[in-house]
Amino acid sequence: APGKQRELVASIMDSGITNYANFAKGRFNISRDNDKNAVYLQMNSL
């Protein structure tokens, strides 16, 4: 964010294990498509 440091939102390992920042829990969902080398972040209740 403007004037602030970069912070983790969410991450996902190749095993599927996820990690979320507290502000993202319950609102955001991270997923990945290994075949496409892609990662997605669904953000709700913005």
PDB file of all heavy atoms in Angstrom:
ATOM      1  N   ALA A   1       0.837  -1.180   0.000  1.00  0.00           N
ATOM      2  CA  ALA A   1       0.000   0.000   0.000  1.00  0.00           C
ATOM      3  C   ALA A   1       0.881   1.242   0.000  1.00  0.00           C
ATOM      4  O   ALA A   1       2.046   1.186   0.397  1.00  0.00           O
ATOM      5  CB  ALA A   1      -0.921   0.001   1.220  1.00  0.00           C
ATOM      6  N   PRO A   2       0.339   2.372  -0.426  1.00  0.00           N
ATOM      7  CA  PRO A   2       1.132   3.604  -0.445  1.00  0.00           C
ATOM      8  C   PRO A   2       1.718   3.932   0.922  1.00  0.00           C
ATOM      9  O   PRO A   2       1.005   3.930   1.931  1.00  0.00           O
ATOM     10  CB  PRO A   2       0.122   4.662  -0.882  1.00  0.00           C
ATOM     11  CG  PRO A   2      -0.889   3.908  -1.679  1.00  0.00           C
ATOM     12  CD  PRO A   2      -1.007   2.579  -0.985  1.00  0.00           C
ATOM     13  N   GLY A   3       3.011   4.192   0.963  1.00  0.00           N
ATOM     14  CA  GLY A   3       3.673   4.552   2.199  1.00  0.00           C
ATOM     15  C   GLY A   3       3.932   3.409   3.151  1.00  0.00           C
ATOM     16  O   GLY A   3       4.386   3.646   4.277  1.00  0.00           O
ATOM     17  N   LYS A   4       3.660   2.179   2.730  1.00  0.00           N
ATOM     18  CA  LYS A   4       3.848   1.040   3.600  1.00  0.00           C
ATOM     19  C   LYS A   4       4.735  -0.009   2.941  1.00  0.00           C
ATOM     20  O   LYS A   4       4.955   0.013   1.732  1.00  0.00           O
ATOM     21  CB  LYS A   4       2.505   0.431   3.992  1.00  0.00           C
ATOM     22  CG  LYS A   4       1.618   1.366   4.791  1.00  0.00           C
ATOM     23  CD  LYS A   4       0.439   0.653   5.389  1.00  0.00           C
ATOM     24  CE  LYS A   4      -0.366   1.577   6.273  1.00  0.00           C
ATOM     25  NZ  LYS A   4      -1.494   0.890   6.936  1.00  0.00           N
ATOM     26  N   GLN A   5       5.233  -0.920   3.755  1.00  0.00           N
ATOM     27  CA  GLN A   5       6.092  -1.977   3.252  1.00  0.00           C
ATOM     28  C   GLN A   5       5.278  -3.102   2.623  1.00  0.00           C
ATOM     29  O   GLN A   5       4.100  -3.285   2.922  1.00  0.00           O
ATOM     30  CB  GLN A   5       6.970  -2.532   4.377  1.00  0.00           C
ATOM     31  CG  GLN A   5       8.039  -1.572   4.870  1.00  0.00           C
ATOM     32  CD  GLN A   5       9.005  -2.227   5.820  1.00  0.00           C
ATOM     33  OE1 GLN A   5       8.613  -2.740   6.862  1.00  0.00           O
ATOM     34  NE2 GLN A   5      10.275  -2.222   5.448  1.00  0.00           N
ATOM     35  N   ARG A   6       5.938  -3.832   1.762  1.00  0.00           N
ATOM     36  CA  ARG A   6       5.302  -4.981   1.138  1.00  0.00           C
ATOM     37  C   ARG A   6       5.035  -6.060   2.182  1.00  0.00           C
ATOM     38  O   ARG A   6       5.870  -6.318   3.051  1.00  0.00           O
ATOM     39  CB  ARG A   6       6.206  -5.528   0.026  1.00  0.00           C
ATOM     40  CG  ARG A   6       5.610  -6.662  -0.777  1.00  0.00           C
ATOM     41  CD  ARG A   6       6.476  -6.987  -1.978  1.00  0.00           C
ATOM     42  NE  ARG A   6       7.819  -7.356  -1.573  1.00  0.00           N
ATOM     43  CZ  ARG A   6       8.824  -7.558  -2.423  1.00  0.00           C
ATOM     44  NH1 ARG A   6       8.623  -7.417  -3.733  1.00  0.00           N
ATOM     45  NH2 ARG A   6      10.018  -7.897  -1.966  1.00  0.00           N
ATOM     46  N   GLU A   7       3.879  -6.698   2.091  1.00  0.00           N
ATOM     47  CA  GLU A   7       3.502  -7.704   3.046  1.00  0.00           C
ATOM     48  C   GLU A   7       2.891  -8.913   2.345  1.00  0.00           C
ATOM     49  O   GLU A   7       2.290  -8.794   1.277  1.00  0.00           O
ATOM     50  CB  GLU A   7       2.504  -7.149   4.070  1.00  0.00           C
ATOM     51  CG  GLU A   7       1.194  -6.671   3.467  1.00  0.00           C
ATOM     52  CD  GLU A   7       0.250  -6.066   4.490  1.00  0.00           C
ATOM     53  OE1 GLU A   7       0.498  -6.214   5.702  1.00  0.00           O
ATOM     54  OE2 GLU A   7      -0.744  -5.434   4.077  1.00  0.00           O
ATOM     55  N   LEU A   8       3.046 -10.051   2.972  1.00  0.00           N
ATOM     56  CA  LEU A   8       2.462 -11.273   2.440  1.00  0.00           C
ATOM     57  C   LEU A   8       0.947 -11.232   2.561  1.00  0.00           C
ATOM     58  O   LEU A   8       0.406 -10.868   3.598  1.00  0.00           O
ATOM     59  CB  LEU A   8       3.008 -12.483   3.188  1.00  0.00           C
ATOM     60  CG  LEU A   8       2.358 -13.829   2.847  1.00  0.00           C
ATOM     61  CD1 LEU A   8       2.764 -14.279   1.450  1.00  0.00           C
ATOM     62  CD2 LEU A   8       2.728 -14.886   3.882  1.00  0.00           C
ATOM     63  N   VAL A   9       0.273 -11.637   1.505  1.00  0.00           N
ATOM     64  CA  VAL A   9      -1.167 -11.812   1.531  1.00  0.00           C
ATOM     65  C   VAL A   9      -1.503 -13.287   1.727  1.00  0.00           C
ATOM     66  O   VAL A   9      -2.226 -13.658   2.650  1.00  0.00           O
ATOM     67  CB  VAL A   9      -1.828 -11.294   0.244  1.00  0.00           C
ATOM     68  CG1 VAL A   9      -3.336 -11.522   0.290  1.00  0.00           C
ATOM     69  CG2 VAL A   9      -1.506  -9.826   0.035  1.00  0.00           C
ATOM     70  N   ALA A  10      -0.972 -14.123   0.864  1.00  0.00           N
ATOM     71  CA  ALA A  10      -1.206 -15.556   0.945  1.00  0.00           C
ATOM     72  C   ALA A  10      -0.175 -16.276   0.099  1.00  0.00           C
ATOM     73  O   ALA A  10       0.362 -15.720  -0.857  1.00  0.00           O
ATOM     74  CB  ALA A  10      -2.619 -15.918   0.469  1.00  0.00           C
ATOM     75  N   SER A  11       0.093 -17.508   0.447  1.00  0.00           N
ATOM     76  CA  SER A  11       1.004 -18.334  -0.328  1.00  0.00           C
ATOM     77  C   SER A  11       0.473 -19.755  -0.378  1.00  0.00           C
ATOM     78  O   SER A  11      -0.319 -20.171   0.472  1.00  0.00           O
ATOM     79  CB  SER A  11       2.416 -18.311   0.256  1.00  0.00           C
ATOM     80  OG  SER A  11       2.438 -18.874   1.557  1.00  0.00           O
ATOM     81  N   ILE A  12       0.931 -20.487  -1.373  1.00  0.00           N
ATOM     82  CA  ILE A  12       0.514 -21.868  -1.522  1.00  0.00           C
ATOM     83  C   ILE A  12       1.688 -22.694  -2.023  1.00  0.00           C
ATOM     84  O   ILE A  12       2.373 -22.323  -2.978  1.00  0.00           O
ATOM     85  CB  ILE A  12      -0.710 -21.986  -2.460  1.00  0.00           C
ATOM     86  CG1 ILE A  12      -1.169 -23.433  -2.581  1.00  0.00           C
ATOM     87  CG2 ILE A  12      -0.426 -21.369  -3.827  1.00  0.00           C
ATOM     88  CD1 ILE A  12      -2.542 -23.571  -3.223  1.00  0.00           C
ATOM     89  N   MET A  13       1.938 -23.809  -1.358  1.00  0.00           N
ATOM     90  CA  MET A  13       3.036 -24.684  -1.722  1.00  0.00           C
ATOM     91  C   MET A  13       2.614 -25.664  -2.809  1.00  0.00           C
ATOM     92  O   MET A  13       1.423 -25.797  -3.101  1.00  0.00           O
ATOM     93  CB  MET A  13       3.539 -25.437  -0.493  1.00  0.00           C
ATOM     94  CG  MET A  13       4.041 -24.537   0.620  1.00  0.00           C
ATOM     95  SD  MET A  13       4.618 -25.446   2.071  1.00  0.00           S
ATOM     96  CE  MET A  13       6.057 -26.277   1.392  1.00  0.00           C
ATOM     97  N   ASP A  14       3.593 -26.354  -3.364  1.00  0.00           N
ATOM     98  CA  ASP A  14       3.275 -27.333  -4.400  1.00  0.00           C
ATOM     99  C   ASP A  14       2.412 -28.468  -3.865  1.00  0.00           C
ATOM    100  O   ASP A  14       1.687 -29.109  -4.622  1.00  0.00           O
ATOM    101  CB  ASP A  14       4.545 -27.879  -5.054  1.00  0.00           C
ATOM    102  CG  ASP A  14       5.547 -28.418  -4.047  1.00  0.00           C
ATOM    103  OD1 ASP A  14       5.239 -28.469  -2.845  1.00  0.00           O
ATOM    104  OD2 ASP A  14       6.661 -28.780  -4.474  1.00  0.00           O
ATOM    105  N   SER A  15       2.484 -28.708  -2.561  1.00  0.00           N
ATOM    106  CA  SER A  15       1.666 -29.723  -1.924  1.00  0.00           C
ATOM    107  C   SER A  15       0.223 -29.271  -1.725  1.00  0.00           C
ATOM    108  O   SER A  15      -0.641 -30.086  -1.405  1.00  0.00           O
ATOM    109  CB  SER A  15       2.261 -30.107  -0.573  1.00  0.00           C
ATOM    110  OG  SER A  15       2.250 -29.010   0.313  1.00  0.00           O
ATOM    111  N   GLY A  16      -0.026 -27.983  -1.884  1.00  0.00           N
ATOM    112  CA  GLY A  16      -1.346 -27.437  -1.665  1.00  0.00           C
ATOM    113  C   GLY A  16      -1.523 -26.760  -0.325  1.00  0.00           C
ATOM    114  O   GLY A  16      -2.579 -26.162  -0.068  1.00  0.00           O
ATOM    115  N   ILE A  17      -0.538 -26.838   0.537  1.00  0.00           N
ATOM    116  CA  ILE A  17      -0.612 -26.181   1.834  1.00  0.00           C
ATOM    117  C   ILE A  17      -0.607 -24.674   1.639  1.00  0.00           C
ATOM    118  O   ILE A  17       0.217 -24.136   0.903  1.00  0.00           O
ATOM    119  CB  ILE A  17       0.553 -26.609   2.733  1.00  0.00           C
ATOM    120  CG1 ILE A  17       0.468 -28.104   3.030  1.00  0.00           C
ATOM    121  CG2 ILE A  17       0.561 -25.812   4.032  1.00  0.00           C
ATOM    122  CD1 ILE A  17       1.642 -28.642   3.814  1.00  0.00           C
ATOM    123  N   THR A  18      -1.524 -24.015   2.314  1.00  0.00           N
ATOM    124  CA  THR A  18      -1.675 -22.574   2.168  1.00  0.00           C
ATOM    125  C   THR A  18      -1.322 -21.844   3.445  1.00  0.00           C
ATOM    126  O   THR A  18      -1.356 -22.406   4.544  1.00  0.00           O
ATOM    127  CB  THR A  18      -3.106 -22.207   1.767  1.00  0.00           C
ATOM    128  OG1 THR A  18      -4.021 -22.714   2.746  1.00  0.00           O
ATOM    129  CG2 THR A  18      -3.452 -22.807   0.409  1.00  0.00           C
ATOM    130  N   ASN A  19      -0.992 -20.585   3.279  1.00  0.00           N
ATOM    131  CA  ASN A  19      -0.715 -19.706   4.398  1.00  0.00           C
ATOM    132  C   ASN A  19      -1.332 -18.351   4.091  1.00  0.00           C
ATOM    133  O   ASN A  19      -1.155 -17.823   2.992  1.00  0.00           O
ATOM    134  CB  ASN A  19       0.787 -19.570   4.627  1.00  0.00           C
ATOM    135  CG  ASN A  19       1.113 -18.706   5.825  1.00  0.00           C
ATOM    136  OD1 ASN A  19       0.503 -18.842   6.874  1.00  0.00           O
ATOM    137  ND2 ASN A  19       2.090 -17.812   5.681  1.00  0.00           N
ATOM    138  N   TYR A  20      -2.055 -17.803   5.068  1.00  0.00           N
ATOM    139  CA  TYR A  20      -2.738 -16.533   4.877  1.00  0.00           C
ATOM    140  C   TYR A  20      -2.338 -15.535   5.940  1.00  0.00           C
ATOM    141  O   TYR A  20      -2.167 -15.889   7.112  1.00  0.00           O
ATOM    142  CB  TYR A  20      -4.255 -16.701   4.943  1.00  0.00           C
ATOM    143  CG  TYR A  20      -4.857 -17.491   3.811  1.00  0.00           C
ATOM    144  CD1 TYR A  20      -5.026 -18.867   3.908  1.00  0.00           C
ATOM    145  CD2 TYR A  20      -5.277 -16.853   2.641  1.00  0.00           C
ATOM    146  CE1 TYR A  20      -5.585 -19.590   2.873  1.00  0.00           C
ATOM    147  CE2 TYR A  20      -5.841 -17.567   1.606  1.00  0.00           C
ATOM    148  CZ  TYR A  20      -5.994 -18.942   1.720  1.00  0.00           C
ATOM    149  OH  TYR A  20      -6.559 -19.660   0.689  1.00  0.00           O
ATOM    150  N   ALA A  21      -2.213 -14.295   5.531  1.00  0.00           N
ATOM    151  CA  ALA A  21      -2.100 -13.226   6.499  1.00  0.00           C
ATOM    152  C   ALA A  21      -3.413 -13.112   7.261  1.00  0.00           C
ATOM    153  O   ALA A  21      -4.472 -13.497   6.754  1.00  0.00           O
ATOM    154  CB  ALA A  21      -1.785 -11.903   5.800  1.00  0.00           C
ATOM    155  N   ASN A  22      -3.335 -12.586   8.467  1.00  0.00           N
ATOM    156  CA  ASN A  22      -4.534 -12.497   9.287  1.00  0.00           C
ATOM    157  C   ASN A  22      -5.643 -11.688   8.611  1.00  0.00           C
ATOM    158  O   ASN A  22      -6.826 -12.036   8.707  1.00  0.00           O
ATOM    159  CB  ASN A  22      -4.201 -11.896  10.648  1.00  0.00           C
ATOM    160  CG  ASN A  22      -3.474 -12.870  11.553  1.00  0.00           C
ATOM    161  OD1 ASN A  22      -3.627 -14.082  11.427  1.00  0.00           O
ATOM    162  ND2 ASN A  22      -2.682 -12.337  12.474  1.00  0.00           N
ATOM    163  N   PHE A  23      -5.262 -10.629   7.921  1.00  0.00           N
ATOM    164  CA  PHE A  23      -6.275  -9.804   7.292  1.00  0.00           C
ATOM    165  C   PHE A  23      -6.959 -10.498   6.125  1.00  0.00           C
ATOM    166  O   PHE A  23      -8.023 -10.075   5.686  1.00  0.00           O
ATOM    167  CB  PHE A  23      -5.676  -8.470   6.814  1.00  0.00           C
ATOM    168  CG  PHE A  23      -4.622  -8.596   5.751  1.00  0.00           C
ATOM    169  CD1 PHE A  23      -4.959  -8.812   4.432  1.00  0.00           C
ATOM    170  CD2 PHE A  23      -3.276  -8.486   6.080  1.00  0.00           C
ATOM    171  CE1 PHE A  23      -3.994  -8.925   3.450  1.00  0.00           C
ATOM    172  CE2 PHE A  23      -2.296  -8.595   5.101  1.00  0.00           C
ATOM    173  CZ  PHE A  23      -2.661  -8.818   3.787  1.00  0.00           C
ATOM    174  N   ALA A  24      -6.338 -11.567   5.626  1.00  0.00           N
ATOM    175  CA  ALA A  24      -6.885 -12.279   4.478  1.00  0.00           C
ATOM    176  C   ALA A  24      -7.730 -13.484   4.860  1.00  0.00           C
ATOM    177  O   ALA A  24      -8.526 -13.961   4.043  1.00  0.00           O
ATOM    178  CB  ALA A  24      -5.747 -12.731   3.560  1.00  0.00           C
ATOM    179  N   LYS A  25      -7.562 -13.962   6.064  1.00  0.00           N
ATOM    180  CA  LYS A  25      -8.274 -15.155   6.496  1.00  0.00           C
ATOM    181  C   LYS A  25      -9.783 -14.936   6.474  1.00  0.00           C
ATOM    182  O   LYS A  25     -10.286 -13.947   6.988  1.00  0.00           O
ATOM    183  CB  LYS A  25      -7.827 -15.558   7.901  1.00  0.00           C
ATOM    184  CG  LYS A  25      -6.398 -16.043   7.972  1.00  0.00           C
ATOM    185  CD  LYS A  25      -6.008 -16.395   9.406  1.00  0.00           C
ATOM    186  CE  LYS A  25      -4.573 -16.883   9.476  1.00  0.00           C
ATOM    187  NZ  LYS A  25      -4.153 -17.167  10.873  1.00  0.00           N
ATOM    188  N   GLY A  26     -10.475 -15.879   5.862  1.00  0.00           N
ATOM    189  CA  GLY A  26     -11.921 -15.797   5.795  1.00  0.00           C
ATOM    190  C   GLY A  26     -12.445 -14.934   4.670  1.00  0.00           C
ATOM    191  O   GLY A  26     -13.652 -14.954   4.399  1.00  0.00           O
ATOM    192  N   ARG A  27     -11.580 -14.175   4.031  1.00  0.00           N
ATOM    193  CA  ARG A  27     -11.999 -13.295   2.940  1.00  0.00           C
ATOM    194  C   ARG A  27     -11.356 -13.660   1.608  1.00  0.00           C
ATOM    195  O   ARG A  27     -12.002 -13.565   0.570  1.00  0.00           O
ATOM    196  CB  ARG A  27     -11.682 -11.837   3.256  1.00  0.00           C
ATOM    197  CG  ARG A  27     -12.405 -11.275   4.460  1.00  0.00           C
ATOM    198  CD  ARG A  27     -12.295  -9.761   4.491  1.00  0.00           C
ATOM    199  NE  ARG A  27     -10.899  -9.329   4.620  1.00  0.00           N
ATOM    200  CZ  ARG A  27     -10.332  -8.398   3.858  1.00  0.00           C
ATOM    201  NH1 ARG A  27     -11.027  -7.804   2.897  1.00  0.00           N
ATOM    202  NH2 ARG A  27      -9.069  -8.050   4.058  1.00  0.00           N
ATOM    203  N   PHE A  28     -10.096 -14.046   1.653  1.00  0.00           N
ATOM    204  CA  PHE A  28      -9.349 -14.344   0.437  1.00  0.00           C
ATOM    205  C   PHE A  28      -9.095 -15.833   0.326  1.00  0.00           C
ATOM    206  O   PHE A  28      -8.980 -16.540   1.334  1.00  0.00           O
ATOM    207  CB  PHE A  28      -8.007 -13.614   0.423  1.00  0.00           C
ATOM    208  CG  PHE A  28      -8.100 -12.113   0.429  1.00  0.00           C
ATOM    209  CD1 PHE A  28      -6.947 -11.351   0.503  1.00  0.00           C
ATOM    210  CD2 PHE A  28      -9.321 -11.459   0.362  1.00  0.00           C
ATOM    211  CE1 PHE A  28      -7.010  -9.974   0.504  1.00  0.00           C
ATOM    212  CE2 PHE A  28      -9.402 -10.076   0.365  1.00  0.00           C
ATOM    213  CZ  PHE A  28      -8.228  -9.334   0.434  1.00  0.00           C
ATOM    214  N   ASN A  29      -8.967 -16.297  -0.893  1.00  0.00           N
ATOM    215  CA  ASN A  29      -8.649 -17.692  -1.143  1.00  0.00           C
ATOM    216  C   ASN A  29      -7.596 -17.792  -2.233  1.00  0.00           C
ATOM    217  O   ASN A  29      -7.757 -17.198  -3.306  1.00  0.00           O
ATOM    218  CB  ASN A  29      -9.893 -18.476  -1.558  1.00  0.00           C
ATOM    219  CG  ASN A  29      -9.611 -19.945  -1.770  1.00  0.00           C
ATOM    220  OD1 ASN A  29      -9.289 -20.671  -0.831  1.00  0.00           O
ATOM    221  ND2 ASN A  29      -9.729 -20.397  -3.010  1.00  0.00           N
ATOM    222  N   ILE A  30      -6.524 -18.510  -1.942  1.00  0.00           N
ATOM    223  CA  ILE A  30      -5.469 -18.698  -2.913  1.00  0.00           C
ATOM    224  C   ILE A  30      -5.535 -20.113  -3.469  1.00  0.00           C
ATOM    225  O   ILE A  30      -5.825 -21.067  -2.748  1.00  0.00           O
ATOM    226  CB  ILE A  30      -4.081 -18.413  -2.293  1.00  0.00           C
ATOM    227  CG1 ILE A  30      -3.004 -18.392  -3.381  1.00  0.00           C
ATOM    228  CG2 ILE A  30      -3.735 -19.415  -1.199  1.00  0.00           C
ATOM    229  CD1 ILE A  30      -1.667 -17.856  -2.890  1.00  0.00           C
ATOM    230  N   SER A  31      -5.295 -20.239  -4.746  1.00  0.00           N
ATOM    231  CA  SER A  31      -5.284 -21.536  -5.397  1.00  0.00           C
ATOM    232  C   SER A  31      -4.255 -21.511  -6.513  1.00  0.00           C
ATOM    233  O   SER A  31      -3.771 -20.453  -6.903  1.00  0.00           O
ATOM    234  CB  SER A  31      -6.673 -21.893  -5.948  1.00  0.00           C
ATOM    235  OG  SER A  31      -7.098 -20.945  -6.910  1.00  0.00           O
ATOM    236  N   ARG A  32      -3.915 -22.679  -7.016  1.00  0.00           N
ATOM    237  CA  ARG A  32      -2.947 -22.740  -8.107  1.00  0.00           C
ATOM    238  C   ARG A  32      -3.311 -23.845  -9.075  1.00  0.00           C
ATOM    239  O   ARG A  32      -3.963 -24.830  -8.719  1.00  0.00           O
ATOM    240  CB  ARG A  32      -1.518 -22.935  -7.580  1.00  0.00           C
ATOM    241  CG  ARG A  32      -1.272 -24.242  -6.853  1.00  0.00           C
ATOM    242  CD  ARG A  32       0.096 -24.238  -6.168  1.00  0.00           C
ATOM    243  NE  ARG A  32       1.192 -24.419  -7.109  1.00  0.00           N
ATOM    244  CZ  ARG A  32       2.486 -24.368  -6.784  1.00  0.00           C
ATOM    245  NH1 ARG A  32       2.842 -24.110  -5.524  1.00  0.00           N
ATOM    246  NH2 ARG A  32       3.421 -24.557  -7.696  1.00  0.00           N
ATOM    247  N   ASP A  33      -2.888 -23.654 -10.290  1.00  0.00           N
ATOM    248  CA  ASP A  33      -3.050 -24.635 -11.346  1.00  0.00           C
ATOM    249  C   ASP A  33      -1.651 -24.996 -11.810  1.00  0.00           C
ATOM    250  O   ASP A  33      -1.014 -24.235 -12.545  1.00  0.00           O
ATOM    251  CB  ASP A  33      -3.887 -24.070 -12.493  1.00  0.00           C
ATOM    252  CG  ASP A  33      -4.200 -25.099 -13.559  1.00  0.00           C
ATOM    253  OD1 ASP A  33      -3.434 -26.079 -13.698  1.00  0.00           O
ATOM    254  OD2 ASP A  33      -5.205 -24.931 -14.256  1.00  0.00           O
ATOM    255  N   ASN A  34      -1.169 -26.130 -11.374  1.00  0.00           N
ATOM    256  CA  ASN A  34       0.200 -26.518 -11.669  1.00  0.00           C
ATOM    257  C   ASN A  34       0.436 -26.776 -13.160  1.00  0.00           C
ATOM    258  O   ASN A  34       1.539 -26.570 -13.661  1.00  0.00           O
ATOM    259  CB  ASN A  34       0.588 -27.755 -10.860  1.00  0.00           C
ATOM    260  CG  ASN A  34       0.666 -27.471  -9.375  1.00  0.00           C
ATOM    261  OD1 ASN A  34       0.960 -26.354  -8.963  1.00  0.00           O
ATOM    262  ND2 ASN A  34       0.408 -28.482  -8.561  1.00  0.00           N
ATOM    263  N   ASP A  35      -0.591 -27.234 -13.848  1.00  0.00           N
ATOM    264  CA  ASP A  35      -0.458 -27.483 -15.281  1.00  0.00           C
ATOM    265  C   ASP A  35      -0.234 -26.187 -16.054  1.00  0.00           C
ATOM    266  O   ASP A  35       0.395 -26.189 -17.111  1.00  0.00           O
ATOM    267  CB  ASP A  35      -1.687 -28.196 -15.829  1.00  0.00           C
ATOM    268  CG  ASP A  35      -1.819 -29.610 -15.305  1.00  0.00           C
ATOM    269  OD1 ASP A  35      -0.789 -30.219 -14.949  1.00  0.00           O
ATOM    270  OD2 ASP A  35      -2.958 -30.114 -15.260  1.00  0.00           O
ATOM    271  N   LYS A  36      -0.766 -25.105 -15.520  1.00  0.00           N
ATOM    272  CA  LYS A  36      -0.645 -23.810 -16.178  1.00  0.00           C
ATOM    273  C   LYS A  36       0.409 -22.917 -15.536  1.00  0.00           C
ATOM    274  O   LYS A  36       0.616 -21.785 -15.992  1.00  0.00           O
ATOM    275  CB  LYS A  36      -1.987 -23.078 -16.167  1.00  0.00           C
ATOM    276  CG  LYS A  36      -3.087 -23.783 -16.929  1.00  0.00           C
ATOM    277  CD  LYS A  36      -4.385 -22.993 -16.874  1.00  0.00           C
ATOM    278  CE  LYS A  36      -5.481 -23.679 -17.650  1.00  0.00           C
ATOM    279  NZ  LYS A  36      -6.764 -22.923 -17.581  1.00  0.00           N
ATOM    280  N   ASN A  37       1.062 -23.414 -14.491  1.00  0.00           N
ATOM    281  CA  ASN A  37       2.008 -22.597 -13.727  1.00  0.00           C
ATOM    282  C   ASN A  37       1.369 -21.280 -13.308  1.00  0.00           C
ATOM    283  O   ASN A  37       1.961 -20.202 -13.446  1.00  0.00           O
ATOM    284  CB  ASN A  37       3.282 -22.336 -14.536  1.00  0.00           C
ATOM    285  CG  ASN A  37       4.161 -23.562 -14.642  1.00  0.00           C
ATOM    286  OD1 ASN A  37       4.120 -24.450 -13.796  1.00  0.00           O
ATOM    287  ND2 ASN A  37       4.973 -23.619 -15.690  1.00  0.00           N
ATOM    288  N   ALA A  38       0.167 -21.396 -12.797  1.00  0.00           N
ATOM    289  CA  ALA A  38      -0.608 -20.216 -12.455  1.00  0.00           C
ATOM    290  C   ALA A  38      -1.051 -20.245 -11.000  1.00  0.00           C
ATOM    291  O   ALA A  38      -1.219 -21.309 -10.404  1.00  0.00           O
ATOM    292  CB  ALA A  38      -1.833 -20.097 -13.361  1.00  0.00           C
ATOM    293  N   VAL A  39      -1.242 -19.074 -10.462  1.00  0.00           N
ATOM    294  CA  VAL A  39      -1.763 -18.922  -9.113  1.00  0.00           C
ATOM    295  C   VAL A  39      -2.847 -17.861  -9.142  1.00  0.00           C
ATOM    296  O   VAL A  39      -2.770 -16.903  -9.919  1.00  0.00           O
ATOM    297  CB  VAL A  39      -0.647 -18.548  -8.108  1.00  0.00           C
ATOM    298  CG1 VAL A  39      -0.031 -17.196  -8.444  1.00  0.00           C
ATOM    299  CG2 VAL A  39      -1.176 -18.570  -6.679  1.00  0.00           C
ATOM    300  N   TYR A  40      -3.853 -18.044  -8.299  1.00  0.00           N
ATOM    301  CA  TYR A  40      -4.999 -17.154  -8.288  1.00  0.00           C
ATOM    302  C   TYR A  40      -5.274 -16.675  -6.870  1.00  0.00           C
ATOM    303  O   TYR A  40      -4.996 -17.363  -5.896  1.00  0.00           O
ATOM    304  CB  TYR A  40      -6.239 -17.863  -8.827  1.00  0.00           C
ATOM    305  CG  TYR A  40      -6.013 -18.546 -10.148  1.00  0.00           C
ATOM    306  CD1 TYR A  40      -5.658 -19.891 -10.208  1.00  0.00           C
ATOM    307  CD2 TYR A  40      -6.129 -17.847 -11.348  1.00  0.00           C
ATOM    308  CE1 TYR A  40      -5.436 -20.522 -11.417  1.00  0.00           C
ATOM    309  CE2 TYR A  40      -5.906 -18.467 -12.558  1.00  0.00           C
ATOM    310  CZ  TYR A  40      -5.560 -19.808 -12.590  1.00  0.00           C
ATOM    311  OH  TYR A  40      -5.338 -20.428 -13.794  1.00  0.00           O
ATOM    312  N   LEU A  41      -5.833 -15.507  -6.785  1.00  0.00           N
ATOM    313  CA  LEU A  41      -6.251 -14.969  -5.500  1.00  0.00           C
ATOM    314  C   LEU A  41      -7.667 -14.440  -5.640  1.00  0.00           C
ATOM    315  O   LEU A  41      -7.893 -13.425  -6.310  1.00  0.00           O
ATOM    316  CB  LEU A  41      -5.318 -13.850  -5.028  1.00  0.00           C
ATOM    317  CG  LEU A  41      -5.619 -13.291  -3.642  1.00  0.00           C
ATOM    318  CD1 LEU A  41      -5.314 -14.328  -2.565  1.00  0.00           C
ATOM    319  CD2 LEU A  41      -4.816 -12.014  -3.386  1.00  0.00           C
ATOM    320  N   GLN A  42      -8.594 -15.140  -5.025  1.00  0.00           N
ATOM    321  CA  GLN A  42      -9.981 -14.702  -4.991  1.00  0.00           C
ATOM    322  C   GLN A  42     -10.167 -13.831  -3.762  1.00  0.00           C
ATOM    323  O   GLN A  42      -9.993 -14.296  -2.637  1.00  0.00           O
ATOM    324  CB  GLN A  42     -10.931 -15.899  -4.949  1.00  0.00           C
ATOM    325  CG  GLN A  42     -12.402 -15.531  -4.869  1.00  0.00           C
ATOM    326  CD  GLN A  42     -12.908 -14.840  -6.110  1.00  0.00           C
ATOM    327  OE1 GLN A  42     -12.599 -15.258  -7.218  1.00  0.00           O
ATOM    328  NE2 GLN A  42     -13.676 -13.773  -5.933  1.00  0.00           N
ATOM    329  N   MET A  43     -10.509 -12.582  -3.976  1.00  0.00           N
ATOM    330  CA  MET A  43     -10.664 -11.630  -2.892  1.00  0.00           C
ATOM    331  C   MET A  43     -12.129 -11.258  -2.761  1.00  0.00           C
ATOM    332  O   MET A  43     -12.729 -10.718  -3.692  1.00  0.00           O
ATOM    333  CB  MET A  43      -9.812 -10.382  -3.137  1.00  0.00           C
ATOM    334  CG  MET A  43      -8.325 -10.678  -3.296  1.00  0.00           C
ATOM    335  SD  MET A  43      -7.321  -9.171  -3.395  1.00  0.00           S
ATOM    336  CE  MET A  43      -7.906  -8.510  -4.960  1.00  0.00           C
ATOM    337  N   ASN A  44     -12.685 -11.546  -1.617  1.00  0.00           N
ATOM    338  CA  ASN A  44     -14.075 -11.238  -1.325  1.00  0.00           C
ATOM    339  C   ASN A  44     -14.154 -10.270  -0.151  1.00  0.00           C
ATOM    340  O   ASN A  44     -13.198 -10.093   0.598  1.00  0.00           O
ATOM    341  CB  ASN A  44     -14.853 -12.515  -1.003  1.00  0.00           C
ATOM    342  CG  ASN A  44     -14.820 -13.530  -2.119  1.00  0.00           C
ATOM    343  OD1 ASN A  44     -15.006 -13.191  -3.284  1.00  0.00           O
ATOM    344  ND2 ASN A  44     -14.596 -14.787  -1.765  1.00  0.00           N
ATOM    345  N   SER A  45     -15.321  -9.682   0.001  1.00  0.00           N
ATOM    346  CA  SER A  45     -15.553  -8.742   1.098  1.00  0.00           C
ATOM    347  C   SER A  45     -14.443  -7.701   1.180  1.00  0.00           C
ATOM    348  O   SER A  45     -13.885  -7.431   2.245  1.00  0.00           O
ATOM    349  CB  SER A  45     -15.676  -9.500   2.428  1.00  0.00           C
ATOM    350  OG  SER A  45     -16.723 -10.442   2.387  1.00  0.00           O
ATOM    351  N   LEU A  46     -14.139  -7.116   0.054  1.00  0.00           N
ATOM    352  CA  LEU A  46     -13.035  -6.168  -0.024  1.00  0.00           C
ATOM    353  C   LEU A  46     -13.293  -4.933   0.832  1.00  0.00           C
ATOM    354  O   LEU A  46     -14.432  -4.482   0.980  1.00  0.00           O
ATOM    355  CB  LEU A  46     -12.794  -5.759  -1.469  1.00  0.00           C
ATOM    356  CG  LEU A  46     -12.094  -6.808  -2.335  1.00  0.00           C
ATOM    357  CD1 LEU A  46     -12.218  -6.449  -3.808  1.00  0.00           C
ATOM    358  CD2 LEU A  46     -10.625  -6.925  -1.936  1.00  0.00           C
TER     359      LEU A  46
END
